[in-house]
């Protein structure tokens, strides 16, 4: 087994705390978390360096980073993160109420044992950035739906306009056809009347000539 010592500190983690993480030694902090609560963890490998009062090349010294493990009330790991250098952030939602452990450990280098300055801050409740991102996503989704609805409305209006134009065209054609039919009918009536008058005149003339003979 590796050198592993668990140090449980029951403190309020809403305040940022800094400490030196020693290789091969796990430091754990615990806090009571209500169910269905978003927990946001800010963790940072401080730039002051490794080993107290020393300055070294951090990236070369901790290639595999410092591991942050979060354990639920049942002892199972809820989430794991790596801290390489600089400020980092992670979050999770507590499914059950109980005491959660936040454990930090750096794997031991075989040639030496170093200490790394590390800070951690844990906040319970909705993270404003996450809430803003959720609100932004929700707003963007609504905008997309409104845009899609507007496009469908525009298409429907265009279709109505096209149908209206086609109806107007059909109406104009119907009026024109009706006018032509009316004109043709009147012309036929005039021709029939003229033919009738001519036939009557012809008969009168025929009978008149017959009587005069």
N, C-alpha and C. Protein backbone atom coordinates (compact mmCIF):
# COMPACT_ATOMS: atom_id res chain seq x y z
N UNK A 1 0.84 -1.20 0.00
CA UNK A 1 0.00 0.00 0.00
C UNK A 1 0.87 1.24 0.00
N UNK A 2 0.33 2.28 -0.63
CA UNK A 2 1.04 3.54 -0.61
C UNK A 2 0.80 4.23 0.73
N UNK A 3 1.61 5.25 0.98
CA UNK A 3 1.45 6.00 2.21
C UNK A 3 0.19 6.83 2.11
N UNK A 4 -0.83 6.44 2.84
CA UNK A 4 -2.13 7.07 2.73
C UNK A 4 -2.67 7.35 4.13
N UNK A 5 -2.83 8.61 4.42
CA UNK A 5 -3.37 9.02 5.72
C UNK A 5 -4.57 9.92 5.45
N UNK A 6 -5.69 9.59 6.06
CA UNK A 6 -6.90 10.39 5.88
C UNK A 6 -7.06 11.31 7.06
N UNK A 7 -7.13 12.61 6.79
CA UNK A 7 -7.31 13.60 7.84
C UNK A 7 -8.67 14.25 7.63
N UNK A 8 -9.63 14.01 8.47
CA UNK A 8 -10.98 14.55 8.34
C UNK A 8 -11.08 15.82 9.13
N UNK A 9 -11.44 16.90 8.50
CA UNK A 9 -11.62 18.19 9.14
C UNK A 9 -13.05 18.63 8.96
N UNK A 10 -13.82 18.78 10.04
CA UNK A 10 -15.21 19.17 9.97
C UNK A 10 -15.27 20.69 10.10
N UNK A 11 -15.21 21.37 8.99
CA UNK A 11 -15.19 22.82 8.99
C UNK A 11 -16.16 23.35 7.96
N UNK A 12 -16.42 24.64 8.02
CA UNK A 12 -17.29 25.28 7.04
C UNK A 12 -16.48 25.57 5.78
N UNK A 13 -16.81 24.91 4.70
CA UNK A 13 -16.02 25.04 3.48
C UNK A 13 -16.52 26.14 2.56
N UNK A 14 -17.48 26.94 3.03
CA UNK A 14 -17.90 28.06 2.22
C UNK A 14 -16.80 29.12 2.15
N UNK A 15 -15.85 29.05 3.08
CA UNK A 15 -14.70 29.93 3.04
C UNK A 15 -13.55 29.22 2.33
N UNK A 16 -12.78 29.98 1.57
CA UNK A 16 -11.66 29.39 0.85
C UNK A 16 -10.54 29.07 1.84
N UNK A 17 -10.02 27.85 1.80
CA UNK A 17 -8.92 27.46 2.67
C UNK A 17 -7.75 27.01 1.82
N UNK A 18 -6.55 27.26 2.34
CA UNK A 18 -5.32 26.85 1.65
C UNK A 18 -4.50 25.95 2.57
N UNK A 19 -3.81 25.01 2.00
CA UNK A 19 -2.99 24.10 2.78
C UNK A 19 -1.94 23.50 1.85
N UNK A 20 -1.02 22.74 2.43
CA UNK A 20 0.00 22.06 1.65
C UNK A 20 -0.36 20.59 1.51
N UNK A 21 -0.52 20.14 0.27
CA UNK A 21 -0.84 18.73 0.00
C UNK A 21 0.47 17.97 -0.15
N UNK A 22 0.66 17.03 0.74
CA UNK A 22 1.88 16.25 0.71
C UNK A 22 1.69 15.00 -0.14
N UNK A 23 2.71 14.66 -0.89
CA UNK A 23 2.63 13.49 -1.76
C UNK A 23 2.35 12.23 -0.95
N UNK A 24 1.35 11.46 -1.43
CA UNK A 24 1.03 10.20 -0.78
C UNK A 24 0.13 10.34 0.42
N UNK A 25 -0.26 11.56 0.80
CA UNK A 25 -1.12 11.77 1.96
C UNK A 25 -2.44 12.38 1.49
N UNK A 26 -3.54 11.75 1.83
CA UNK A 26 -4.86 12.23 1.43
C UNK A 26 -5.45 13.09 2.54
N UNK A 27 -5.86 14.28 2.18
CA UNK A 27 -6.51 15.17 3.12
C UNK A 27 -7.99 15.28 2.74
N UNK A 28 -8.86 15.08 3.70
CA UNK A 28 -10.29 15.08 3.43
C UNK A 28 -11.00 16.14 4.27
N UNK A 29 -11.96 16.77 3.66
CA UNK A 29 -12.81 17.74 4.33
C UNK A 29 -14.25 17.29 4.13
N UNK A 30 -15.07 17.41 5.14
CA UNK A 30 -16.45 16.96 5.02
C UNK A 30 -17.42 18.09 5.31
N UNK A 31 -18.59 18.00 4.71
CA UNK A 31 -19.61 19.02 4.91
C UNK A 31 -20.98 18.39 4.70
N UNK A 32 -21.96 18.86 5.44
CA UNK A 32 -23.33 18.37 5.31
C UNK A 32 -23.99 19.07 4.12
N UNK A 33 -24.59 18.27 3.24
CA UNK A 33 -25.20 18.82 2.03
C UNK A 33 -26.64 18.32 1.93
N UNK A 34 -27.63 19.23 1.75
CA UNK A 34 -29.02 18.79 1.56
C UNK A 34 -29.17 18.10 0.20
N UNK A 35 -30.24 17.33 0.07
CA UNK A 35 -30.49 16.64 -1.20
C UNK A 35 -30.92 17.64 -2.28
N UNK A 36 -30.66 17.27 -3.52
CA UNK A 36 -31.01 18.08 -4.68
C UNK A 36 -30.40 19.49 -4.60
N UNK A 37 -29.16 19.55 -4.11
CA UNK A 37 -28.45 20.83 -4.00
C UNK A 37 -27.25 20.82 -4.92
N UNK A 38 -27.08 21.90 -5.65
CA UNK A 38 -25.89 22.03 -6.50
C UNK A 38 -24.72 22.49 -5.65
N UNK A 39 -23.63 21.76 -5.73
CA UNK A 39 -22.41 22.10 -4.99
C UNK A 39 -21.34 22.49 -6.00
N UNK A 40 -20.76 23.65 -5.80
CA UNK A 40 -19.72 24.17 -6.70
C UNK A 40 -18.39 24.19 -5.95
N UNK A 41 -17.36 23.61 -6.55
CA UNK A 41 -16.05 23.53 -5.92
C UNK A 41 -15.04 24.32 -6.75
N UNK A 42 -14.37 25.27 -6.13
CA UNK A 42 -13.28 26.01 -6.75
C UNK A 42 -11.97 25.45 -6.17
N UNK A 43 -11.11 24.90 -7.00
CA UNK A 43 -9.87 24.33 -6.51
C UNK A 43 -8.70 24.86 -7.32
N UNK A 44 -7.60 25.11 -6.64
CA UNK A 44 -6.48 25.78 -7.30
C UNK A 44 -5.15 25.27 -6.76
N UNK A 45 -4.24 25.07 -7.68
CA UNK A 45 -2.86 24.79 -7.31
C UNK A 45 -2.14 26.13 -7.28
N UNK A 46 -1.74 26.55 -6.11
CA UNK A 46 -1.20 27.90 -5.95
C UNK A 46 0.11 28.06 -6.72
N UNK A 47 0.33 29.27 -7.19
CA UNK A 47 1.50 29.54 -8.03
C UNK A 47 2.76 29.77 -7.21
N UNK A 48 2.64 29.78 -5.86
CA UNK A 48 3.83 30.02 -5.04
C UNK A 48 4.89 28.93 -5.20
N UNK A 49 4.46 27.75 -5.61
CA UNK A 49 5.44 26.69 -5.83
C UNK A 49 5.19 25.49 -4.95
N UNK A 50 6.14 24.59 -4.95
CA UNK A 50 6.06 23.36 -4.18
C UNK A 50 7.07 23.41 -3.04
N UNK A 51 6.70 22.72 -2.00
CA UNK A 51 7.51 22.70 -0.78
C UNK A 51 7.49 24.08 -0.14
N UNK A 52 7.28 24.11 1.13
CA UNK A 52 7.15 25.38 1.84
C UNK A 52 8.39 26.25 1.62
N UNK A 53 8.07 27.52 1.31
CA UNK A 53 9.13 28.52 1.11
C UNK A 53 10.06 28.17 -0.04
N UNK A 54 9.61 27.39 -0.99
CA UNK A 54 10.43 27.05 -2.14
C UNK A 54 9.71 27.41 -3.43
N UNK A 55 10.46 27.66 -4.47
CA UNK A 55 9.89 27.93 -5.78
C UNK A 55 10.49 26.96 -6.77
N UNK A 56 9.63 26.22 -7.46
CA UNK A 56 10.11 25.24 -8.44
C UNK A 56 9.24 25.29 -9.68
N UNK A 57 9.61 24.50 -10.65
CA UNK A 57 8.85 24.44 -11.89
C UNK A 57 7.67 23.50 -11.69
N UNK A 58 6.50 24.05 -11.41
CA UNK A 58 5.34 23.24 -11.06
C UNK A 58 4.94 22.26 -12.16
N UNK A 59 4.80 22.70 -13.42
CA UNK A 59 4.37 21.74 -14.46
C UNK A 59 5.25 20.51 -14.56
N UNK A 60 6.55 20.68 -14.37
CA UNK A 60 7.45 19.52 -14.45
C UNK A 60 7.32 18.63 -13.23
N UNK A 61 6.97 19.24 -12.08
CA UNK A 61 6.92 18.48 -10.85
C UNK A 61 5.63 17.68 -10.70
N UNK A 62 4.53 18.14 -11.29
CA UNK A 62 3.24 17.46 -11.08
C UNK A 62 2.56 17.19 -12.42
N UNK A 63 3.19 16.40 -13.22
CA UNK A 63 2.64 16.09 -14.54
C UNK A 63 1.27 15.44 -14.46
N UNK A 64 1.05 14.61 -13.44
CA UNK A 64 -0.23 13.91 -13.33
C UNK A 64 -1.23 14.66 -12.46
N UNK A 65 -0.86 15.83 -11.92
CA UNK A 65 -1.77 16.67 -11.18
C UNK A 65 -2.12 16.16 -9.80
N UNK A 66 -2.94 16.96 -9.12
CA UNK A 66 -3.47 16.60 -7.81
C UNK A 66 -4.91 16.17 -8.00
N UNK A 67 -5.27 15.05 -7.40
CA UNK A 67 -6.60 14.48 -7.59
C UNK A 67 -7.55 14.95 -6.49
N UNK A 68 -8.74 15.39 -6.90
CA UNK A 68 -9.80 15.75 -5.96
C UNK A 68 -10.94 14.75 -6.13
N UNK A 69 -11.18 13.96 -5.08
CA UNK A 69 -12.26 12.98 -5.09
C UNK A 69 -13.38 13.43 -4.17
N UNK A 70 -14.61 13.28 -4.65
CA UNK A 70 -15.78 13.63 -3.84
C UNK A 70 -16.54 12.35 -3.54
N UNK A 71 -16.73 12.08 -2.25
CA UNK A 71 -17.42 10.87 -1.80
C UNK A 71 -18.80 11.23 -1.25
N UNK A 72 -19.79 10.44 -1.62
CA UNK A 72 -21.13 10.64 -1.11
C UNK A 72 -21.31 10.04 0.27
N UNK A 73 -22.49 10.21 0.87
CA UNK A 73 -22.75 9.65 2.20
C UNK A 73 -22.58 8.13 2.25
N UNK A 74 -22.74 7.47 1.10
CA UNK A 74 -22.60 6.01 1.07
C UNK A 74 -21.15 5.56 0.88
N UNK A 75 -20.24 6.52 0.74
CA UNK A 75 -18.83 6.18 0.59
C UNK A 75 -18.38 6.00 -0.84
N UNK A 76 -19.29 6.07 -1.77
CA UNK A 76 -18.92 5.93 -3.18
C UNK A 76 -18.49 7.27 -3.76
N UNK A 77 -17.59 7.21 -4.76
CA UNK A 77 -17.11 8.44 -5.41
C UNK A 77 -18.22 9.03 -6.27
N UNK A 78 -18.52 10.30 -6.02
CA UNK A 78 -19.54 11.01 -6.80
C UNK A 78 -18.91 11.66 -8.03
N UNK A 79 -17.73 12.25 -7.83
CA UNK A 79 -17.06 12.93 -8.94
C UNK A 79 -15.58 13.03 -8.64
N UNK A 80 -14.78 13.09 -9.71
CA UNK A 80 -13.32 13.20 -9.59
C UNK A 80 -12.83 14.29 -10.54
N UNK A 81 -11.83 15.04 -10.07
CA UNK A 81 -11.25 16.08 -10.92
C UNK A 81 -9.75 16.12 -10.71
N UNK A 82 -9.04 16.64 -11.71
CA UNK A 82 -7.59 16.80 -11.65
C UNK A 82 -7.25 18.29 -11.62
N UNK A 83 -6.33 18.65 -10.76
CA UNK A 83 -5.83 20.02 -10.71
C UNK A 83 -4.39 20.02 -11.18
N UNK A 84 -4.14 20.60 -12.32
CA UNK A 84 -2.78 20.65 -12.85
C UNK A 84 -2.10 21.94 -12.43
N UNK A 85 -2.68 23.07 -12.80
CA UNK A 85 -2.12 24.36 -12.42
C UNK A 85 -3.19 25.41 -12.61
N UNK A 86 -3.18 26.40 -11.74
CA UNK A 86 -4.12 27.50 -11.86
C UNK A 86 -5.48 27.18 -11.28
N UNK A 87 -6.44 28.09 -11.52
CA UNK A 87 -7.77 27.97 -10.95
C UNK A 87 -8.62 27.00 -11.75
N UNK A 88 -9.40 26.20 -11.04
CA UNK A 88 -10.27 25.22 -11.66
C UNK A 88 -11.63 25.27 -10.97
N UNK A 89 -12.63 24.71 -11.66
CA UNK A 89 -13.98 24.73 -11.12
C UNK A 89 -14.73 23.48 -11.55
N UNK A 90 -15.50 22.93 -10.63
CA UNK A 90 -16.33 21.78 -10.94
C UNK A 90 -17.61 21.88 -10.11
N UNK A 91 -18.62 21.10 -10.48
CA UNK A 91 -19.87 21.13 -9.74
C UNK A 91 -20.56 19.78 -9.85
N UNK A 92 -21.45 19.51 -8.91
CA UNK A 92 -22.26 18.30 -8.96
C UNK A 92 -23.54 18.57 -8.18
N UNK A 93 -24.53 17.72 -8.38
CA UNK A 93 -25.80 17.83 -7.67
C UNK A 93 -25.90 16.70 -6.66
N UNK A 94 -26.11 17.06 -5.40
CA UNK A 94 -26.23 16.06 -4.34
C UNK A 94 -27.59 15.37 -4.47
N UNK A 95 -27.55 14.09 -4.80
CA UNK A 95 -28.80 13.33 -4.98
C UNK A 95 -29.46 13.00 -3.65
N UNK A 96 -28.65 12.77 -2.63
CA UNK A 96 -29.18 12.42 -1.31
C UNK A 96 -28.60 13.35 -0.26
N UNK A 97 -29.32 13.53 0.82
CA UNK A 97 -28.85 14.37 1.92
C UNK A 97 -27.84 13.58 2.76
N UNK A 98 -26.85 14.28 3.27
CA UNK A 98 -25.87 13.62 4.11
C UNK A 98 -24.54 14.35 4.11
N UNK A 99 -23.54 13.73 4.70
CA UNK A 99 -22.21 14.33 4.79
C UNK A 99 -21.35 13.85 3.62
N UNK A 100 -20.87 14.81 2.86
CA UNK A 100 -20.02 14.52 1.70
C UNK A 100 -18.57 14.83 2.06
N UNK A 101 -17.66 13.99 1.55
CA UNK A 101 -16.24 14.18 1.79
C UNK A 101 -15.55 14.66 0.52
N UNK A 102 -14.65 15.64 0.69
CA UNK A 102 -13.88 16.21 -0.41
C UNK A 102 -12.41 15.92 -0.10
N UNK A 103 -11.85 14.96 -0.83
CA UNK A 103 -10.51 14.45 -0.51
C UNK A 103 -9.51 14.84 -1.60
N UNK A 104 -8.35 15.31 -1.16
CA UNK A 104 -7.28 15.74 -2.06
C UNK A 104 -6.07 14.85 -1.83
N UNK A 105 -5.50 14.36 -2.94
CA UNK A 105 -4.30 13.52 -2.82
C UNK A 105 -3.41 13.71 -4.03
N UNK A 106 -2.12 13.67 -3.78
CA UNK A 106 -1.10 13.73 -4.84
C UNK A 106 -0.32 12.44 -4.80
N UNK A 107 -0.25 11.76 -5.93
CA UNK A 107 0.50 10.50 -5.97
C UNK A 107 1.97 10.76 -5.64
N UNK A 108 2.56 9.83 -4.95
CA UNK A 108 3.93 10.00 -4.47
C UNK A 108 4.94 9.74 -5.58
N UNK A 109 5.91 10.64 -5.71
CA UNK A 109 7.03 10.43 -6.61
C UNK A 109 8.07 9.55 -5.90
N UNK A 110 8.63 8.60 -6.63
CA UNK A 110 9.51 7.63 -5.97
C UNK A 110 10.83 8.24 -5.52
N UNK A 111 11.23 9.37 -6.11
CA UNK A 111 12.55 9.90 -5.75
C UNK A 111 12.50 10.93 -4.62
N UNK A 112 11.33 11.49 -4.33
CA UNK A 112 11.26 12.50 -3.28
C UNK A 112 9.83 12.67 -2.82
N UNK A 113 9.67 13.40 -1.75
CA UNK A 113 8.35 13.73 -1.24
C UNK A 113 8.23 15.24 -1.18
N UNK A 114 7.26 15.81 -1.88
CA UNK A 114 7.08 17.25 -1.93
C UNK A 114 5.71 17.62 -1.39
N UNK A 115 5.59 18.89 -1.04
CA UNK A 115 4.32 19.44 -0.61
C UNK A 115 3.90 20.54 -1.58
N UNK A 116 2.62 20.57 -1.95
CA UNK A 116 2.13 21.49 -2.94
C UNK A 116 1.04 22.37 -2.31
N UNK A 117 1.18 23.66 -2.47
CA UNK A 117 0.19 24.57 -1.89
C UNK A 117 -1.10 24.50 -2.72
N UNK A 118 -2.17 24.27 -2.02
CA UNK A 118 -3.46 23.98 -2.67
C UNK A 118 -4.56 24.75 -1.93
N UNK A 119 -5.52 25.22 -2.66
CA UNK A 119 -6.66 25.91 -2.04
C UNK A 119 -7.96 25.32 -2.57
N UNK A 120 -8.97 25.34 -1.73
CA UNK A 120 -10.27 24.79 -2.10
C UNK A 120 -11.38 25.64 -1.47
N UNK A 121 -12.43 25.85 -2.22
CA UNK A 121 -13.60 26.56 -1.72
C UNK A 121 -14.84 25.84 -2.23
N UNK A 122 -15.75 25.56 -1.33
CA UNK A 122 -16.96 24.81 -1.69
C UNK A 122 -18.18 25.65 -1.35
N UNK A 123 -19.04 25.82 -2.33
CA UNK A 123 -20.27 26.59 -2.14
C UNK A 123 -21.47 25.71 -2.43
N UNK A 124 -22.45 25.80 -1.56
CA UNK A 124 -23.69 25.07 -1.76
C UNK A 124 -24.74 26.01 -2.34
N UNK A 125 -25.63 25.45 -3.15
CA UNK A 125 -26.66 26.25 -3.77
C UNK A 125 -26.41 26.40 -5.24
N UNK A 126 -27.30 27.10 -5.93
CA UNK A 126 -27.21 27.25 -7.38
C UNK A 126 -26.08 28.20 -7.71
N UNK A 127 -25.20 27.76 -8.56
CA UNK A 127 -24.12 28.61 -9.04
C UNK A 127 -24.67 29.62 -10.05
N UNK A 128 -24.34 30.89 -9.83
CA UNK A 128 -24.92 31.93 -10.69
C UNK A 128 -24.51 31.75 -12.15
N UNK A 129 -23.27 31.33 -12.36
CA UNK A 129 -22.84 31.12 -13.74
C UNK A 129 -23.61 30.00 -14.40
N UNK A 130 -23.81 28.90 -13.62
CA UNK A 130 -24.59 27.80 -14.18
C UNK A 130 -26.03 28.22 -14.42
N UNK A 131 -26.58 29.02 -13.46
CA UNK A 131 -27.95 29.49 -13.63
C UNK A 131 -28.06 30.40 -14.84
N UNK A 132 -27.07 31.30 -14.98
CA UNK A 132 -27.07 32.19 -16.15
C UNK A 132 -26.96 31.40 -17.43
N UNK A 133 -26.09 30.36 -17.42
CA UNK A 133 -25.95 29.53 -18.61
C UNK A 133 -27.26 28.81 -18.92
N UNK A 134 -27.91 28.31 -17.85
CA UNK A 134 -29.20 27.63 -18.05
C UNK A 134 -30.24 28.60 -18.59
N UNK A 135 -30.27 29.83 -17.99
CA UNK A 135 -31.21 30.83 -18.47
C UNK A 135 -30.92 31.20 -19.92
N UNK A 136 -29.62 31.34 -20.24
CA UNK A 136 -29.24 31.68 -21.60
C UNK A 136 -29.66 30.59 -22.56
N UNK A 137 -29.41 29.33 -22.16
CA UNK A 137 -29.81 28.21 -23.00
C UNK A 137 -31.32 28.19 -23.20
N UNK A 138 -32.05 28.46 -22.07
CA UNK A 138 -33.51 28.48 -22.15
C UNK A 138 -33.97 29.59 -23.08
N UNK A 139 -33.35 30.78 -22.95
CA UNK A 139 -33.73 31.92 -23.80
C UNK A 139 -33.42 31.62 -25.26
N UNK A 140 -32.24 31.03 -25.50
CA UNK A 140 -31.88 30.69 -26.88
C UNK A 140 -32.86 29.68 -27.46
N UNK A 141 -33.28 28.71 -26.62
CA UNK A 141 -34.26 27.73 -27.08
C UNK A 141 -35.57 28.40 -27.43
N UNK A 142 -36.00 29.35 -26.58
CA UNK A 142 -37.24 30.08 -26.86
C UNK A 142 -37.09 30.91 -28.12
N UNK A 143 -35.92 31.55 -28.29
CA UNK A 143 -35.69 32.33 -29.51
C UNK A 143 -35.77 31.46 -30.75
N UNK A 144 -35.17 30.25 -30.67
CA UNK A 144 -35.21 29.34 -31.80
C UNK A 144 -36.66 28.94 -32.12
N UNK A 145 -37.44 28.68 -31.06
CA UNK A 145 -38.84 28.31 -31.28
C UNK A 145 -39.63 29.45 -31.88
N UNK A 146 -39.36 30.68 -31.36
CA UNK A 146 -40.05 31.86 -31.91
C UNK A 146 -39.67 32.06 -33.36
N UNK A 147 -38.38 31.90 -33.66
CA UNK A 147 -37.91 32.06 -35.04
C UNK A 147 -38.57 31.02 -35.96
N UNK A 148 -38.63 29.76 -35.47
CA UNK A 148 -39.27 28.71 -36.27
C UNK A 148 -40.76 29.01 -36.46
N UNK A 149 -41.41 29.49 -35.39
CA UNK A 149 -42.83 29.83 -35.49
C UNK A 149 -43.04 30.99 -36.44
N UNK A 150 -42.13 31.99 -36.39
CA UNK A 150 -42.23 33.13 -37.31
C UNK A 150 -42.07 32.68 -38.76
N UNK A 151 -41.11 31.77 -38.99
CA UNK A 151 -40.91 31.27 -40.35
C UNK A 151 -42.15 30.53 -40.84
N UNK A 152 -42.74 29.72 -39.96
CA UNK A 152 -43.97 29.01 -40.34
C UNK A 152 -45.11 29.98 -40.59
N UNK A 153 -45.18 31.04 -39.76
CA UNK A 153 -46.22 32.05 -39.96
C UNK A 153 -46.03 32.78 -41.28
N UNK A 154 -44.76 33.14 -41.56
CA UNK A 154 -44.47 33.80 -42.84
C UNK A 154 -44.83 32.91 -44.02
N UNK A 155 -44.50 31.62 -43.90
CA UNK A 155 -44.86 30.68 -44.97
C UNK A 155 -46.37 30.59 -45.14
N UNK A 156 -47.09 30.56 -44.01
CA UNK A 156 -48.56 30.48 -44.06
C UNK A 156 -49.14 31.74 -44.69
N UNK A 157 -48.59 32.91 -44.31
CA UNK A 157 -49.06 34.17 -44.90
C UNK A 157 -48.77 34.21 -46.39
N UNK A 158 -47.58 33.74 -46.78
CA UNK A 158 -47.23 33.70 -48.21
C UNK A 158 -48.18 32.77 -48.97
N UNK A 159 -48.50 31.62 -48.35
CA UNK A 159 -49.44 30.69 -48.97
C UNK A 159 -50.82 31.31 -49.11
N UNK A 160 -51.25 32.02 -48.07
CA UNK A 160 -52.55 32.70 -48.14
C UNK A 160 -52.55 33.76 -49.23
N UNK A 161 -51.45 34.51 -49.34
CA UNK A 161 -51.35 35.53 -50.37
C UNK A 161 -51.39 34.91 -51.75
N UNK A 162 -50.70 33.77 -51.92
CA UNK A 162 -50.72 33.07 -53.20
C UNK A 162 -52.13 32.57 -53.53
N UNK A 163 -52.80 32.00 -52.52
CA UNK A 163 -54.17 31.53 -52.74
C UNK A 163 -55.10 32.69 -53.09
N UNK A 164 -54.88 33.85 -52.41
CA UNK A 164 -55.70 35.01 -52.70
C UNK A 164 -55.48 35.50 -54.13
N UNK A 165 -54.23 35.50 -54.56
CA UNK A 165 -53.93 35.92 -55.93
C UNK A 165 -54.54 34.96 -56.94
N UNK A 166 -54.44 33.65 -56.64
CA UNK A 166 -55.05 32.67 -57.54
C UNK A 166 -56.57 32.82 -57.57
N UNK A 167 -57.18 33.09 -56.41
CA UNK A 167 -58.63 33.30 -56.38
C UNK A 167 -59.02 34.53 -57.18
N UNK A 168 -58.24 35.61 -57.02
CA UNK A 168 -58.52 36.83 -57.80
C UNK A 168 -58.40 36.57 -59.29
N UNK A 169 -57.37 35.79 -59.66
CA UNK A 169 -57.18 35.47 -61.07
C UNK A 169 -58.34 34.63 -61.60
N UNK A 170 -58.76 33.63 -60.82
CA UNK A 170 -59.89 32.79 -61.22
C UNK A 170 -61.18 33.60 -61.29
N UNK A 171 -61.34 34.52 -60.33
CA UNK A 171 -62.53 35.37 -60.34
C UNK A 171 -62.56 36.23 -61.59
N UNK A 172 -61.41 36.83 -61.93
CA UNK A 172 -61.32 37.66 -63.15
C UNK A 172 -61.63 36.84 -64.38
N UNK A 173 -61.07 35.62 -64.44
CA UNK A 173 -61.33 34.75 -65.58
C UNK A 173 -62.81 34.37 -65.66
N UNK A 174 -63.41 34.10 -64.50
CA UNK A 174 -64.84 33.73 -64.49
C UNK A 174 -65.70 34.89 -64.97
N UNK A 175 -65.38 36.11 -64.51
CA UNK A 175 -66.14 37.29 -64.94
C UNK A 175 -65.99 37.50 -66.44
N UNK A 176 -64.75 37.32 -66.95
CA UNK A 176 -64.50 37.49 -68.38
C UNK A 176 -65.27 36.45 -69.20
N UNK A 177 -65.27 35.19 -68.71
CA UNK A 177 -66.01 34.13 -69.41
C UNK A 177 -67.50 34.41 -69.38
N UNK A 178 -68.00 34.86 -68.23
CA UNK A 178 -69.43 35.18 -68.11
C UNK A 178 -69.80 36.32 -69.05
N UNK A 179 -68.93 37.32 -69.14
CA UNK A 179 -69.20 38.44 -70.03
C UNK A 179 -69.26 37.99 -71.49
N UNK A 180 -68.30 37.13 -71.86
CA UNK A 180 -68.30 36.63 -73.24
C UNK A 180 -69.53 35.78 -73.53
N UNK A 181 -69.91 34.94 -72.56
CA UNK A 181 -71.11 34.11 -72.76
C UNK A 181 -72.34 34.98 -72.91
N UNK A 182 -72.42 36.03 -72.11
CA UNK A 182 -73.57 36.95 -72.18
C UNK A 182 -73.61 37.65 -73.54
N UNK A 183 -72.43 38.11 -73.97
CA UNK A 183 -72.37 38.78 -75.28
C UNK A 183 -72.77 37.82 -76.40
N UNK A 184 -72.28 36.60 -76.33
CA UNK A 184 -72.62 35.61 -77.35
C UNK A 184 -74.11 35.30 -77.34
N UNK A 185 -74.69 35.17 -76.17
CA UNK A 185 -76.12 34.88 -76.04
C UNK A 185 -76.95 36.02 -76.63
N UNK A 186 -76.58 37.27 -76.31
CA UNK A 186 -77.31 38.43 -76.85
C UNK A 186 -77.22 38.46 -78.37
N UNK A 187 -75.99 38.18 -78.86
CA UNK A 187 -75.80 38.15 -80.32
C UNK A 187 -76.67 37.09 -80.96
N UNK A 188 -76.72 35.91 -80.34
CA UNK A 188 -77.58 34.83 -80.86
C UNK A 188 -79.06 35.24 -80.86
N UNK A 189 -79.48 35.90 -79.79
CA UNK A 189 -80.88 36.35 -79.72
C UNK A 189 -81.18 37.36 -80.82
N UNK A 190 -80.24 38.30 -81.01
CA UNK A 190 -80.43 39.32 -82.06
C UNK A 190 -80.53 38.66 -83.43
N UNK A 191 -79.64 37.66 -83.65
CA UNK A 191 -79.66 36.96 -84.94
C UNK A 191 -80.97 36.20 -85.12
N UNK A 192 -81.44 35.54 -84.06
CA UNK A 192 -82.71 34.80 -84.14
C UNK A 192 -83.89 35.74 -84.39
N UNK A 193 -83.89 36.90 -83.71
CA UNK A 193 -84.96 37.87 -83.93
C UNK A 193 -84.94 38.40 -85.36
N UNK A 194 -83.74 38.72 -85.81
CA UNK A 194 -83.61 39.24 -87.19
C UNK A 194 -84.05 38.19 -88.20
N UNK A 195 -83.66 36.93 -87.93
CA UNK A 195 -84.07 35.85 -88.83
C UNK A 195 -85.58 35.67 -88.81
N UNK A 196 -86.19 35.78 -87.63
CA UNK A 196 -87.64 35.65 -87.52
C UNK A 196 -88.36 36.77 -88.26
N UNK A 197 -87.87 37.99 -88.05
CA UNK A 197 -88.48 39.15 -88.74
C UNK A 197 -88.36 39.00 -90.24
N UNK A 198 -87.19 38.54 -90.68
CA UNK A 198 -86.99 38.37 -92.12
C UNK A 198 -87.92 37.30 -92.68
N UNK A 199 -88.08 36.22 -91.94
CA UNK A 199 -88.96 35.14 -92.42
C UNK A 199 -90.41 35.63 -92.49
N UNK A 200 -90.84 36.37 -91.48
CA UNK A 200 -92.22 36.91 -91.51
C UNK A 200 -92.41 37.85 -92.69
N UNK A 201 -91.42 38.72 -92.88
CA UNK A 201 -91.50 39.65 -94.01
C UNK A 201 -91.54 38.91 -95.34
N UNK A 202 -90.71 37.87 -95.44
CA UNK A 202 -90.68 37.08 -96.68
C UNK A 202 -92.02 36.39 -96.93
N UNK A 203 -92.66 35.85 -95.89
CA UNK A 203 -93.95 35.18 -96.03
C UNK A 203 -95.03 36.17 -96.45
N UNK A 204 -95.03 37.32 -95.80
CA UNK A 204 -96.02 38.33 -96.19
C UNK A 204 -95.86 38.73 -97.65
N UNK A 205 -94.66 38.91 -98.08
CA UNK A 205 -94.38 39.30 -99.45
C UNK A 205 -94.81 38.20 -100.42
N UNK A 206 -94.56 36.93 -100.00
CA UNK A 206 -94.93 35.79 -100.85
C UNK A 206 -96.45 35.71 -101.02
N UNK A 207 -97.17 35.80 -99.89
CA UNK A 207 -98.63 35.71 -99.98
C UNK A 207 -99.23 36.91 -100.71
N UNK A 208 -98.64 38.06 -100.55
CA UNK A 208 -99.13 39.25 -101.23
C UNK A 208 -99.00 39.08 -102.74
N UNK A 209 -97.90 38.58 -103.18
CA UNK A 209 -97.71 38.35 -104.61
C UNK A 209 -98.66 37.28 -105.12
N UNK A 210 -98.96 36.27 -104.35
CA UNK A 210 -99.87 35.21 -104.76
C UNK A 210 -101.29 35.74 -104.95
N UNK A 211 -101.72 36.62 -104.01
CA UNK A 211 -103.08 37.18 -104.12
C UNK A 211 -103.21 38.14 -105.27
N UNK A 212 -102.12 38.83 -105.59
CA UNK A 212 -102.19 39.78 -106.71
C UNK A 212 -102.21 39.06 -108.03
N UNK A 213 -101.75 37.89 -108.09
CA UNK A 213 -101.79 37.11 -109.32
C UNK A 213 -103.22 36.64 -109.48
